């Protein structure tokens, strides 16, 4: 296999706090000998587990970049036991453009794994994470939100894995993240995901969906920042904070997406009316959305009905919808009031 063209300006094996770049040469019209400079922070203190924390896998999702930028500027080596690798803007070109995919090659990083060292810019980034960063990590946390086209309840997520021991370890880490909701997530297509790469490498992997609409809120950023620390405490990299008597005990609600009936997909172009809000209870057969023909008046809208009972966990965000778009996701409520362990 060809060597990666990406060169780090940090040393992953040196104690202390380092802030640098993953430097990817990129020749283009505006810079013949240019480079994509992906910011990275490495904080290491002796032996211990390694956590790889990533945001900006998609460039229009902001809770991860904000929470990880805060962490990179405040976390000190004396705070940790082991190593934390922080990459707040994983697909840096997409992040700078505020788009889901890269403006350079239109690559969707979270559909590009394992990548190629001699491929497109996006494939080269995926290859570096696959072959160079994932092998360093014991725990991996990839922070997502809905971007410009989806909105989610704030949840941490894992997938169903064939290895029961790995599944249990991932689920414990998900609960320690302590989001208001915790999801056993069903992917429409798992090929090329960073998630799949980390899980197949045997890592403890947790992802999130923490909001959407191409922005972040004070509440969603707080969930991300608190969750990152809970994840690191669970990994044994950060010391657990002592319990305070004035502290409100936190809980999470466990959700599940058992099959494809969770998804409602648009079969029309038009104007979207959501009839349920995120977090609302939904009954099977109930109208959850309507789509109006926006090309003429006097035509009745098309009703979209839930295919199962549960809770509305995600919805299409813009007011206009196209055929093939996901309109809504209904998840099963498995258990409420689960205590957050950290």
C-alpha atoms as a PDB file:
ATOM      1  CA  UNK A   1       0.000   0.000   0.000  1.00  0.00           C
ATOM      2  CA  UNK A   2       1.312   3.451  -0.918  1.00  0.00           C
ATOM      3  CA  UNK A   3       2.276   5.769   1.952  1.00  0.00           C
ATOM      4  CA  UNK A   4      -0.218   8.473   2.891  1.00  0.00           C
ATOM      5  CA  UNK A   5       0.590  11.920   1.491  1.00  0.00           C
ATOM      6  CA  UNK A   6      -0.677  13.438   4.754  1.00  0.00           C
ATOM      7  CA  UNK A   7       2.062  14.446   7.167  1.00  0.00           C
ATOM      8  CA  UNK A   8       1.261  15.453  10.773  1.00  0.00           C
ATOM      9  CA  UNK A   9       3.053  18.413  12.298  1.00  0.00           C
ATOM     10  CA  UNK A  10       2.527  16.878  15.764  1.00  0.00           C
ATOM     11  CA  UNK A  11       4.131  13.847  17.400  1.00  0.00           C
ATOM     12  CA  UNK A  12       1.444  11.449  18.625  1.00  0.00           C
ATOM     13  CA  UNK A  13       3.887   9.764  21.023  1.00  0.00           C
ATOM     14  CA  UNK A  14       5.228  12.802  22.926  1.00  0.00           C
ATOM     15  CA  UNK A  15       3.840  13.855  26.296  1.00  0.00           C
ATOM     16  CA  UNK A  16       2.368  17.330  26.659  1.00  0.00           C
ATOM     17  CA  UNK A  17      -0.020  19.493  24.663  1.00  0.00           C
ATOM     18  CA  UNK A  18       0.494  19.924  20.932  1.00  0.00           C
ATOM     19  CA  UNK A  19      -1.570  21.915  18.462  1.00  0.00           C
ATOM     20  CA  UNK A  20      -0.767  21.472  14.796  1.00  0.00           C
ATOM     21  CA  UNK A  21      -2.020  20.160  11.490  1.00  0.00           C
ATOM     22  CA  UNK A  22      -2.522  17.133   9.298  1.00  0.00           C
ATOM     23  CA  UNK A  23      -0.889  18.553   6.165  1.00  0.00           C
ATOM     24  CA  UNK A  24      -2.280  17.236   2.866  1.00  0.00           C
ATOM     25  CA  UNK A  25      -0.529  18.579  -0.271  1.00  0.00           C
ATOM     26  CA  UNK A  26      -3.087  19.936  -2.733  1.00  0.00           C
ATOM     27  CA  UNK A  27      -2.090  21.697  -5.945  1.00  0.00           C
ATOM     28  CA  UNK A  28      -4.781  23.907  -7.438  1.00  0.00           C
ATOM     29  CA  UNK A  29      -5.213  27.091  -9.454  1.00  0.00           C
ATOM     30  CA  UNK A  30      -4.826  29.433  -6.498  1.00  0.00           C
ATOM     31  CA  UNK A  31      -1.798  27.641  -4.995  1.00  0.00           C
ATOM     32  CA  UNK A  32       0.476  25.442  -7.097  1.00  0.00           C
ATOM     33  CA  UNK A  33       2.231  24.003  -4.046  1.00  0.00           C
ATOM     34  CA  UNK A  34      -0.673  24.385  -1.633  1.00  0.00           C
ATOM     35  CA  UNK A  35      -1.948  22.139   1.128  1.00  0.00           C
ATOM     36  CA  UNK A  36      -5.142  21.327   2.999  1.00  0.00           C
ATOM     37  CA  UNK A  37      -4.239  22.034   6.644  1.00  0.00           C
ATOM     38  CA  UNK A  38      -6.515  20.036   8.978  1.00  0.00           C
ATOM     39  CA  UNK A  39      -6.162  21.255  12.595  1.00  0.00           C
ATOM     40  CA  UNK A  40      -5.302  18.588  15.172  1.00  0.00           C
ATOM     41  CA  UNK A  41      -4.564  18.600  18.896  1.00  0.00           C
ATOM     42  CA  UNK A  42      -2.745  15.847  20.778  1.00  0.00           C
ATOM     43  CA  UNK A  43      -2.742  15.808  24.585  1.00  0.00           C
ATOM     44  CA  UNK A  44      -0.755  13.005  26.169  1.00  0.00           C
ATOM     45  CA  UNK A  45       0.281  12.122  29.687  1.00  0.00           C
ATOM     46  CA  UNK A  46       2.040   8.789  30.082  1.00  0.00           C
ATOM     47  CA  UNK A  47       0.563   5.370  29.520  1.00  0.00           C
ATOM     48  CA  UNK A  48      -3.158   4.810  29.255  1.00  0.00           C
ATOM     49  CA  UNK A  49      -5.959   4.491  26.737  1.00  0.00           C
ATOM     50  CA  UNK A  50      -6.269   6.702  23.655  1.00  0.00           C
ATOM     51  CA  UNK A  51      -9.458   8.479  22.623  1.00  0.00           C
ATOM     52  CA  UNK A  52      -9.893   9.827  19.096  1.00  0.00           C
ATOM     53  CA  UNK A  53     -12.470  12.644  19.100  1.00  0.00           C
ATOM     54  CA  UNK A  54     -13.743  13.940  15.770  1.00  0.00           C
ATOM     55  CA  UNK A  55     -16.180  16.553  14.504  1.00  0.00           C
ATOM     56  CA  UNK A  56     -16.864  18.080  11.111  1.00  0.00           C
ATOM     57  CA  UNK A  57     -17.076  14.730   9.324  1.00  0.00           C
ATOM     58  CA  UNK A  58     -19.814  16.621   7.507  1.00  0.00           C
ATOM     59  CA  UNK A  59     -19.041  20.298   7.131  1.00  0.00           C
ATOM     60  CA  UNK A  60     -22.471  21.729   7.995  1.00  0.00           C
ATOM     61  CA  UNK A  61     -22.731  20.126  11.454  1.00  0.00           C
ATOM     62  CA  UNK A  62     -21.446  22.366  14.234  1.00  0.00           C
ATOM     63  CA  UNK A  63     -21.881  20.919  17.725  1.00  0.00           C
ATOM     64  CA  UNK A  64     -18.803  18.721  17.316  1.00  0.00           C
ATOM     65  CA  UNK A  65     -16.515  21.457  15.979  1.00  0.00           C
ATOM     66  CA  UNK A  66     -17.564  23.855  18.738  1.00  0.00           C
ATOM     67  CA  UNK A  67     -17.298  21.382  21.628  1.00  0.00           C
ATOM     68  CA  UNK A  68     -13.981  19.960  20.404  1.00  0.00           C
ATOM     69  CA  UNK A  69     -12.507  23.417  19.742  1.00  0.00           C
ATOM     70  CA  UNK A  70     -13.362  24.314  23.339  1.00  0.00           C
ATOM     71  CA  UNK A  71     -11.806  21.109  24.614  1.00  0.00           C
ATOM     72  CA  UNK A  72      -8.617  21.572  22.569  1.00  0.00           C
ATOM     73  CA  UNK A  73      -8.080  25.028  24.041  1.00  0.00           C
ATOM     74  CA  UNK A  74      -8.734  24.077  27.673  1.00  0.00           C
ATOM     75  CA  UNK A  75      -7.641  20.473  28.274  1.00  0.00           C
ATOM     76  CA  UNK A  76      -4.214  20.147  29.886  1.00  0.00           C
ATOM     77  CA  UNK A  77      -1.826  17.218  29.954  1.00  0.00           C
ATOM     78  CA  UNK A  78      -2.026  16.966  33.737  1.00  0.00           C
ATOM     79  CA  UNK A  79      -5.801  16.430  33.377  1.00  0.00           C
ATOM     80  CA  UNK A  80      -5.433  13.204  31.412  1.00  0.00           C
ATOM     81  CA  UNK A  81      -4.106   9.698  31.844  1.00  0.00           C
ATOM     82  CA  UNK A  82      -3.232   8.403  28.400  1.00  0.00           C
ATOM     83  CA  UNK A  83      -3.854  10.321  25.195  1.00  0.00           C
ATOM     84  CA  UNK A  84      -6.556  12.395  23.531  1.00  0.00           C
ATOM     85  CA  UNK A  85      -6.425  13.118  19.790  1.00  0.00           C
ATOM     86  CA  UNK A  86      -8.810  15.910  18.800  1.00  0.00           C
ATOM     87  CA  UNK A  87      -9.769  16.659  15.183  1.00  0.00           C
ATOM     88  CA  UNK A  88     -12.640  19.196  15.291  1.00  0.00           C
ATOM     89  CA  UNK A  89     -12.899  19.656  11.505  1.00  0.00           C
ATOM     90  CA  UNK A  90     -12.354  16.209  10.010  1.00  0.00           C
ATOM     91  CA  UNK A  91     -13.413  17.099   6.449  1.00  0.00           C
ATOM     92  CA  UNK A  92     -11.790  20.524   6.601  1.00  0.00           C
ATOM     93  CA  UNK A  93     -12.648  21.663   3.047  1.00  0.00           C
ATOM     94  CA  UNK A  94     -16.338  20.863   3.642  1.00  0.00           C
ATOM     95  CA  UNK A  95     -16.247  22.600   7.019  1.00  0.00           C
ATOM     96  CA  UNK A  96     -14.791  25.786   5.544  1.00  0.00           C
ATOM     97  CA  UNK A  97     -17.465  25.749   2.839  1.00  0.00           C
ATOM     98  CA  UNK A  98     -20.295  25.051   5.309  1.00  0.00           C
ATOM     99  CA  UNK A  99     -21.386  22.120   3.169  1.00  0.00           C
ATOM    100  CA  UNK A 100     -21.987  18.440   3.785  1.00  0.00           C
ATOM    101  CA  UNK A 101     -19.503  17.416   1.119  1.00  0.00           C
ATOM    102  CA  UNK A 102     -16.128  18.738   0.011  1.00  0.00           C
ATOM    103  CA  UNK A 103     -16.140  21.627  -2.480  1.00  0.00           C
ATOM    104  CA  UNK A 104     -12.912  20.221  -3.931  1.00  0.00           C
ATOM    105  CA  UNK A 105     -14.161  16.825  -5.107  1.00  0.00           C
ATOM    106  CA  UNK A 106     -17.785  16.682  -3.793  1.00  0.00           C
ATOM    107  CA  UNK A 107     -16.640  13.817  -1.585  1.00  0.00           C
ATOM    108  CA  UNK A 108     -18.789  12.750   1.367  1.00  0.00           C
ATOM    109  CA  UNK A 109     -16.136  11.736   3.902  1.00  0.00           C
ATOM    110  CA  UNK A 110     -18.566   9.520   5.792  1.00  0.00           C
ATOM    111  CA  UNK A 111     -19.130   7.438   2.652  1.00  0.00           C
ATOM    112  CA  UNK A 112     -15.440   7.277   1.617  1.00  0.00           C
ATOM    113  CA  UNK A 113     -13.819   4.727   3.963  1.00  0.00           C
ATOM    114  CA  UNK A 114     -11.418   2.978   3.783  1.00  0.00           C
ATOM    115  CA  UNK A 115     -10.212   5.632   1.361  1.00  0.00           C
ATOM    116  CA  UNK A 116      -7.186   5.634  -0.913  1.00  0.00           C
ATOM    117  CA  UNK A 117      -3.765   7.259  -0.493  1.00  0.00           C
ATOM    118  CA  UNK A 118      -3.712   7.973  -4.245  1.00  0.00           C
ATOM    119  CA  UNK A 119      -7.365   8.989  -4.534  1.00  0.00           C
ATOM    120  CA  UNK A 120      -9.269  12.241  -4.287  1.00  0.00           C
ATOM    121  CA  UNK A 121      -8.681  14.696  -1.440  1.00  0.00           C
ATOM    122  CA  UNK A 122     -11.590  13.185   0.501  1.00  0.00           C
ATOM    123  CA  UNK A 123     -10.341   9.636  -0.095  1.00  0.00           C
ATOM    124  CA  UNK A 124      -6.857  10.635   1.097  1.00  0.00           C
ATOM    125  CA  UNK A 125      -8.308  12.014   4.344  1.00  0.00           C
ATOM    126  CA  UNK A 126     -10.310   8.805   4.873  1.00  0.00           C
ATOM    127  CA  UNK A 127      -7.225   6.687   4.213  1.00  0.00           C
ATOM    128  CA  UNK A 128      -5.177   8.603   6.791  1.00  0.00           C
ATOM    129  CA  UNK A 129      -7.805   8.118   9.478  1.00  0.00           C
ATOM    130  CA  UNK A 130      -8.227   4.454   8.524  1.00  0.00           C
ATOM    131  CA  UNK A 131      -4.548   3.482   8.456  1.00  0.00           C
ATOM    132  CA  UNK A 132      -2.889   5.955  10.811  1.00  0.00           C
ATOM    133  CA  UNK A 133      -5.290   7.368  13.414  1.00  0.00           C
ATOM    134  CA  UNK A 134      -7.722   4.502  14.068  1.00  0.00           C
ATOM    135  CA  UNK A 135      -4.862   2.084  14.976  1.00  0.00           C
ATOM    136  CA  UNK A 136      -3.780   4.527  17.718  1.00  0.00           C
ATOM    137  CA  UNK A 137      -7.226   4.657  19.328  1.00  0.00           C
ATOM    138  CA  UNK A 138      -9.028   2.511  21.876  1.00  0.00           C
ATOM    139  CA  UNK A 139     -12.122   4.742  22.028  1.00  0.00           C
ATOM    140  CA  UNK A 140     -13.578   6.744  19.124  1.00  0.00           C
ATOM    141  CA  UNK A 141     -16.255   9.450  19.367  1.00  0.00           C
ATOM    142  CA  UNK A 142     -17.542  11.033  16.140  1.00  0.00           C
ATOM    143  CA  UNK A 143     -19.872  13.971  16.758  1.00  0.00           C
ATOM    144  CA  UNK A 144     -22.635  14.545  14.198  1.00  0.00           C
ATOM    145  CA  UNK A 145     -25.832  16.575  13.853  1.00  0.00           C
ATOM    146  CA  UNK A 146     -28.417  16.878  11.108  1.00  0.00           C
ATOM    147  CA  UNK A 147     -26.713  19.535   9.023  1.00  0.00           C
ATOM    148  CA  UNK A 148     -28.808  21.792   6.851  1.00  0.00           C
ATOM    149  CA  UNK A 149     -31.399  19.192   5.816  1.00  0.00           C
ATOM    150  CA  UNK A 150     -32.295  17.221   8.968  1.00  0.00           C
ATOM    151  CA  UNK A 151     -33.112  17.911  12.602  1.00  0.00           C
ATOM    152  CA  UNK A 152     -32.749  15.358  15.395  1.00  0.00           C
ATOM    153  CA  UNK A 153     -33.540  14.837  19.016  1.00  0.00           C
ATOM    154  CA  UNK A 154     -30.178  15.082  20.807  1.00  0.00           C
ATOM    155  CA  UNK A 155     -28.923  11.508  21.022  1.00  0.00           C
ATOM    156  CA  UNK A 156     -25.749   9.472  21.252  1.00  0.00           C
ATOM    157  CA  UNK A 157     -25.799   6.393  19.048  1.00  0.00           C
ATOM    158  CA  UNK A 158     -24.341   2.959  18.494  1.00  0.00           C
ATOM    159  CA  UNK A 159     -25.055   0.201  15.992  1.00  0.00           C
ATOM    160  CA  UNK A 160     -25.949  -3.432  16.518  1.00  0.00           C
ATOM    161  CA  UNK A 161     -22.722  -5.445  16.266  1.00  0.00           C
ATOM    162  CA  UNK A 162     -22.096  -9.156  15.847  1.00  0.00           C
ATOM    163  CA  UNK A 163     -19.545  -9.157  18.700  1.00  0.00           C
ATOM    164  CA  UNK A 164     -21.620  -9.090  21.899  1.00  0.00           C
ATOM    165  CA  UNK A 165     -18.688  -7.990  24.064  1.00  0.00           C
ATOM    166  CA  UNK A 166     -17.878  -5.084  21.775  1.00  0.00           C
ATOM    167  CA  UNK A 167     -21.580  -4.241  21.631  1.00  0.00           C
ATOM    168  CA  UNK A 168     -21.762  -4.059  25.421  1.00  0.00           C
ATOM    169  CA  UNK A 169     -18.668  -1.853  25.624  1.00  0.00           C
ATOM    170  CA  UNK A 170     -20.064   0.530  22.996  1.00  0.00           C
ATOM    171  CA  UNK A 171     -23.427   0.690  24.762  1.00  0.00           C
ATOM    172  CA  UNK A 172     -21.781   1.503  28.104  1.00  0.00           C
ATOM    173  CA  UNK A 173     -19.807   4.316  26.464  1.00  0.00           C
ATOM    174  CA  UNK A 174     -22.974   5.626  24.789  1.00  0.00           C
ATOM    175  CA  UNK A 175     -24.765   5.797  28.123  1.00  0.00           C
ATOM    176  CA  UNK A 176     -21.766   7.514  29.722  1.00  0.00           C
ATOM    177  CA  UNK A 177     -21.980  10.218  27.047  1.00  0.00           C
ATOM    178  CA  UNK A 178     -25.214  11.103  28.788  1.00  0.00           C
ATOM    179  CA  UNK A 179     -27.249  12.667  25.998  1.00  0.00           C
ATOM    180  CA  UNK A 180     -30.951  13.127  26.707  1.00  0.00           C
ATOM    181  CA  UNK A 181     -31.563  10.193  24.340  1.00  0.00           C
ATOM    182  CA  UNK A 182     -29.469   7.148  23.423  1.00  0.00           C
ATOM    183  CA  UNK A 183     -30.161   5.381  20.129  1.00  0.00           C
ATOM    184  CA  UNK A 184     -29.552   1.932  18.720  1.00  0.00           C
ATOM    185  CA  UNK A 185     -29.209   3.301  15.226  1.00  0.00           C
ATOM    186  CA  UNK A 186     -30.200   1.669  11.944  1.00  0.00           C
ATOM    187  CA  UNK A 187     -28.268   3.055   8.956  1.00  0.00           C
ATOM    188  CA  UNK A 188     -29.864   3.246   5.531  1.00  0.00           C
ATOM    189  CA  UNK A 189     -26.446   2.336   4.092  1.00  0.00           C
ATOM    190  CA  UNK A 190     -23.396   1.498   6.219  1.00  0.00           C
ATOM    191  CA  UNK A 191     -20.914   1.111   3.339  1.00  0.00           C
ATOM    192  CA  UNK A 192     -18.023   3.571   3.547  1.00  0.00           C
ATOM    193  CA  UNK A 193     -18.848   4.925   7.005  1.00  0.00           C
ATOM    194  CA  UNK A 194     -16.200   6.017   9.495  1.00  0.00           C
ATOM    195  CA  UNK A 195     -18.456   4.220  11.992  1.00  0.00           C
ATOM    196  CA  UNK A 196     -18.042   0.927  10.147  1.00  0.00           C
ATOM    197  CA  UNK A 197     -14.263   1.386   9.851  1.00  0.00           C
ATOM    198  CA  UNK A 198     -13.927   1.966  13.606  1.00  0.00           C
ATOM    199  CA  UNK A 199     -16.271  -0.894  14.545  1.00  0.00           C
ATOM    200  CA  UNK A 200     -14.565  -3.370  12.217  1.00  0.00           C
ATOM    201  CA  UNK A 201     -11.245  -2.378  13.814  1.00  0.00           C
ATOM    202  CA  UNK A 202     -12.685  -3.439  17.199  1.00  0.00           C
ATOM    203  CA  UNK A 203     -12.845   0.034  18.708  1.00  0.00           C
ATOM    204  CA  UNK A 204     -15.347   1.294  21.255  1.00  0.00           C
ATOM    205  CA  UNK A 205     -17.265   3.597  18.923  1.00  0.00           C
ATOM    206  CA  UNK A 206     -20.003   6.137  19.682  1.00  0.00           C
ATOM    207  CA  UNK A 207     -21.587   8.634  17.312  1.00  0.00           C
ATOM    208  CA  UNK A 208     -24.179  11.348  17.891  1.00  0.00           C
ATOM    209  CA  UNK A 209     -26.952  13.327  16.276  1.00  0.00           C
ATOM    210  CA  UNK A 210     -27.334  16.504  18.325  1.00  0.00           C
ATOM    211  CA  UNK A 211     -29.683  18.807  16.449  1.00  0.00           C
ATOM    212  CA  UNK A 212     -29.653  20.169  12.928  1.00  0.00           C
ATOM    213  CA  UNK A 213     -30.728  22.886  10.583  1.00  0.00           C
ATOM    214  CA  UNK A 214     -27.147  23.859   9.769  1.00  0.00           C
ATOM    215  CA  UNK A 215     -26.579  25.569  13.118  1.00  0.00           C
ATOM    216  CA  UNK A 216     -26.037  24.833  16.797  1.00  0.00           C
ATOM    217  CA  UNK A 217     -27.859  25.985  19.923  1.00  0.00           C
ATOM    218  CA  UNK A 218     -26.623  26.669  23.432  1.00  0.00           C
ATOM    219  CA  UNK A 219     -28.437  23.525  24.566  1.00  0.00           C
ATOM    220  CA  UNK A 220     -27.032  21.258  21.827  1.00  0.00           C
ATOM    221  CA  UNK A 221     -23.468  22.479  22.373  1.00  0.00           C
ATOM    222  CA  UNK A 222     -23.873  21.894  26.121  1.00  0.00           C
ATOM    223  CA  UNK A 223     -24.940  18.288  25.422  1.00  0.00           C
ATOM    224  CA  UNK A 224     -21.874  17.810  23.217  1.00  0.00           C
ATOM    225  CA  UNK A 225     -19.402  19.386  25.658  1.00  0.00           C
ATOM    226  CA  UNK A 226     -20.758  17.495  28.663  1.00  0.00           C
ATOM    227  CA  UNK A 227     -20.932  14.273  26.662  1.00  0.00           C
ATOM    228  CA  UNK A 228     -17.319  14.466  25.505  1.00  0.00           C
ATOM    229  CA  UNK A 229     -16.152  14.691  29.109  1.00  0.00           C
ATOM    230  CA  UNK A 230     -18.429  11.846  30.161  1.00  0.00           C
ATOM    231  CA  UNK A 231     -17.004   9.743  27.344  1.00  0.00           C
ATOM    232  CA  UNK A 232     -13.412  10.504  28.409  1.00  0.00           C
ATOM    233  CA  UNK A 233     -14.222   9.771  32.046  1.00  0.00           C
ATOM    234  CA  UNK A 234     -15.755   6.441  31.049  1.00  0.00           C
ATOM    235  CA  UNK A 235     -12.577   5.612  29.106  1.00  0.00           C
ATOM    236  CA  UNK A 236     -10.488   6.301  32.221  1.00  0.00           C
ATOM    237  CA  UNK A 237      -8.660   9.184  30.545  1.00  0.00           C
ATOM    238  CA  UNK A 238     -10.270  11.899  32.667  1.00  0.00           C
ATOM    239  CA  UNK A 239     -10.950  11.522  36.366  1.00  0.00           C
ATOM    240  CA  UNK A 240     -14.624  11.337  37.271  1.00  0.00           C
ATOM    241  CA  UNK A 241     -15.969  14.485  38.884  1.00  0.00           C
ATOM    242  CA  UNK A 242     -17.107  14.121  42.510  1.00  0.00           C
ATOM    243  CA  UNK A 243     -20.856  14.121  42.985  1.00  0.00           C
ATOM    244  CA  UNK A 244     -22.318  17.340  44.411  1.00  0.00           C
ATOM    245  CA  UNK A 245     -25.431  17.305  46.573  1.00  0.00           C
ATOM    246  CA  UNK A 246     -26.901  20.215  44.593  1.00  0.00           C
ATOM    247  CA  UNK A 247     -26.362  18.344  41.340  1.00  0.00           C
ATOM    248  CA  UNK A 248     -29.416  17.066  39.483  1.00  0.00           C
ATOM    249  CA  UNK A 249     -29.125  13.394  38.573  1.00  0.00           C
ATOM    250  CA  UNK A 250     -29.099  12.974  34.793  1.00  0.00           C
ATOM    251  CA  UNK A 251     -30.895  10.257  32.863  1.00  0.00           C
ATOM    252  CA  UNK A 252     -31.167   9.151  29.260  1.00  0.00           C
ATOM    253  CA  UNK A 253     -33.998   7.543  27.307  1.00  0.00           C
ATOM    254  CA  UNK A 254     -33.015   4.497  25.247  1.00  0.00           C
ATOM    255  CA  UNK A 255     -34.438   4.415  21.712  1.00  0.00           C
ATOM    256  CA  UNK A 256     -34.246   1.728  19.041  1.00  0.00           C
ATOM    257  CA  UNK A 257     -34.654   1.636  15.263  1.00  0.00           C
ATOM    258  CA  UNK A 258     -35.381  -2.051  14.615  1.00  0.00           C
ATOM    259  CA  UNK A 259     -36.138  -1.960  10.874  1.00  0.00           C
ATOM    260  CA  UNK A 260     -36.838   0.161   7.819  1.00  0.00           C
ATOM    261  CA  UNK A 261     -40.390   0.989   8.892  1.00  0.00           C
ATOM    262  CA  UNK A 262     -38.856   3.661  11.115  1.00  0.00           C
ATOM    263  CA  UNK A 263     -38.214   5.783   8.011  1.00  0.00           C
ATOM    264  CA  UNK A 264     -40.782   7.844   6.140  1.00  0.00           C
ATOM    265  CA  UNK A 265     -39.509   8.760   2.659  1.00  0.00           C
ATOM    266  CA  UNK A 266     -41.013  11.404   0.416  1.00  0.00           C
ATOM    267  CA  UNK A 267     -42.508  10.243  -2.868  1.00  0.00           C
ATOM    268  CA  UNK A 268     -43.312  13.805  -3.948  1.00  0.00           C
ATOM    269  CA  UNK A 269     -41.728  17.206  -4.470  1.00  0.00           C
ATOM    270  CA  UNK A 270     -43.425  20.063  -2.680  1.00  0.00           C
ATOM    271  CA  UNK A 271     -44.109  22.113   0.419  1.00  0.00           C
ATOM    272  CA  UNK A 272     -43.712  20.222   3.705  1.00  0.00           C
ATOM    273  CA  UNK A 273     -46.058  20.565   6.672  1.00  0.00           C
ATOM    274  CA  UNK A 274     -44.871  18.626   9.715  1.00  0.00           C
ATOM    275  CA  UNK A 275     -47.822  17.504  11.836  1.00  0.00           C
ATOM    276  CA  UNK A 276     -45.682  16.269  14.732  1.00  0.00           C
ATOM    277  CA  UNK A 277     -42.720  17.854  16.492  1.00  0.00           C
ATOM    278  CA  UNK A 278     -39.521  16.156  17.614  1.00  0.00           C
ATOM    279  CA  UNK A 279     -40.116  14.155  20.779  1.00  0.00           C
ATOM    280  CA  UNK A 280     -43.860  13.758  20.162  1.00  0.00           C
ATOM    281  CA  UNK A 281     -45.485  10.355  20.593  1.00  0.00           C
ATOM    282  CA  UNK A 282     -46.697   8.873  17.313  1.00  0.00           C
ATOM    283  CA  UNK A 283     -49.239   6.123  16.659  1.00  0.00           C
ATOM    284  CA  UNK A 284     -49.002   3.779  13.707  1.00  0.00           C
ATOM    285  CA  UNK A 285     -51.165   5.130  10.866  1.00  0.00           C
ATOM    286  CA  UNK A 286     -51.216   8.659  12.277  1.00  0.00           C
ATOM    287  CA  UNK A 287     -50.557  11.555   9.895  1.00  0.00           C
ATOM    288  CA  UNK A 288     -47.084  12.900  10.678  1.00  0.00           C
ATOM    289  CA  UNK A 289     -46.590  15.138   7.633  1.00  0.00           C
ATOM    290  CA  UNK A 290     -48.331  16.550   4.574  1.00  0.00           C
ATOM    291  CA  UNK A 291     -46.796  17.559   1.267  1.00  0.00           C
ATOM    292  CA  UNK A 292     -48.496  20.214  -0.870  1.00  0.00           C
ATOM    293  CA  UNK A 293     -48.094  20.616  -4.615  1.00  0.00           C
ATOM    294  CA  UNK A 294     -46.263  23.957  -4.837  1.00  0.00           C
ATOM    295  CA  UNK A 295     -46.871  24.365  -8.582  1.00  0.00           C
ATOM    296  CA  UNK A 296     -50.602  25.126  -8.320  1.00  0.00           C
ATOM    297  CA  UNK A 297     -53.385  25.772  -5.802  1.00  0.00           C
ATOM    298  CA  UNK A 298     -56.631  23.894  -5.205  1.00  0.00           C
ATOM    299  CA  UNK A 299     -55.027  20.463  -4.862  1.00  0.00           C
ATOM    300  CA  UNK A 300     -55.322  18.498  -1.635  1.00  0.00           C
ATOM    301  CA  UNK A 301     -52.000  17.661   0.059  1.00  0.00           C
ATOM    302  CA  UNK A 302     -50.640  14.133   0.284  1.00  0.00           C
ATOM    303  CA  UNK A 303     -50.770  12.685   3.799  1.00  0.00           C
ATOM    304  CA  UNK A 304     -47.770  10.778   5.080  1.00  0.00           C
ATOM    305  CA  UNK A 305     -48.594   8.354   7.874  1.00  0.00           C
ATOM    306  CA  UNK A 306     -46.354   6.700  10.431  1.00  0.00           C
ATOM    307  CA  UNK A 307     -45.561   3.080   9.650  1.00  0.00           C
ATOM    308  CA  UNK A 308     -45.060   2.236  13.324  1.00  0.00           C
ATOM    309  CA  UNK A 309     -45.800   3.657  16.778  1.00  0.00           C
ATOM    310  CA  UNK A 310     -43.058   5.344  18.767  1.00  0.00           C
ATOM    311  CA  UNK A 311     -41.456   8.727  19.156  1.00  0.00           C
ATOM    312  CA  UNK A 312     -40.539  11.238  16.442  1.00  0.00           C
ATOM    313  CA  UNK A 313     -36.717  11.222  16.568  1.00  0.00           C
ATOM    314  CA  UNK A 314     -35.834  13.046  13.346  1.00  0.00           C
ATOM    315  CA  UNK A 315     -37.457  15.184  10.670  1.00  0.00           C
ATOM    316  CA  UNK A 316     -36.668  16.884   7.390  1.00  0.00           C
ATOM    317  CA  UNK A 317     -35.624  20.446   8.151  1.00  0.00           C
ATOM    318  CA  UNK A 318     -36.215  22.744   5.152  1.00  0.00           C
ATOM    319  CA  UNK A 319     -39.758  23.717   4.268  1.00  0.00           C
ATOM    320  CA  UNK A 320     -39.420  22.315   0.757  1.00  0.00           C
ATOM    321  CA  UNK A 321     -38.985  18.598   0.212  1.00  0.00           C
ATOM    322  CA  UNK A 322     -37.957  16.503  -2.800  1.00  0.00           C
ATOM    323  CA  UNK A 323     -38.802  12.982  -3.815  1.00  0.00           C
ATOM    324  CA  UNK A 324     -36.430  10.585  -2.038  1.00  0.00           C
ATOM    325  CA  UNK A 325     -35.849  12.829   0.990  1.00  0.00           C
ATOM    326  CA  UNK A 326     -36.319  11.379   4.462  1.00  0.00           C
ATOM    327  CA  UNK A 327     -39.354  13.169   5.911  1.00  0.00           C
ATOM    328  CA  UNK A 328     -39.332  11.634   9.389  1.00  0.00           C
ATOM    329  CA  UNK A 329     -37.885   8.912  11.597  1.00  0.00           C
ATOM    330  CA  UNK A 330     -39.976   7.190  14.268  1.00  0.00           C
ATOM    331  CA  UNK A 331     -38.058   5.221  16.895  1.00  0.00           C
ATOM    332  CA  UNK A 332     -39.208   2.758  19.553  1.00  0.00           C
ATOM    333  CA  UNK A 333     -38.923   3.815  23.184  1.00  0.00           C
ATOM    334  CA  UNK A 334     -37.095   0.971  24.942  1.00  0.00           C
ATOM    335  CA  UNK A 335     -36.512   2.424  28.397  1.00  0.00           C
ATOM    336  CA  UNK A 336     -36.895   5.831  30.039  1.00  0.00           C
ATOM    337  CA  UNK A 337     -34.991   7.305  32.976  1.00  0.00           C
ATOM    338  CA  UNK A 338     -31.760   5.319  32.652  1.00  0.00           C
ATOM    339  CA  UNK A 339     -29.215   6.864  35.054  1.00  0.00           C
ATOM    340  CA  UNK A 340     -26.126   8.351  33.393  1.00  0.00           C
ATOM    341  CA  UNK A 341     -23.227   6.402  34.829  1.00  0.00           C
ATOM    342  CA  UNK A 342     -20.581   9.172  34.938  1.00  0.00           C
END
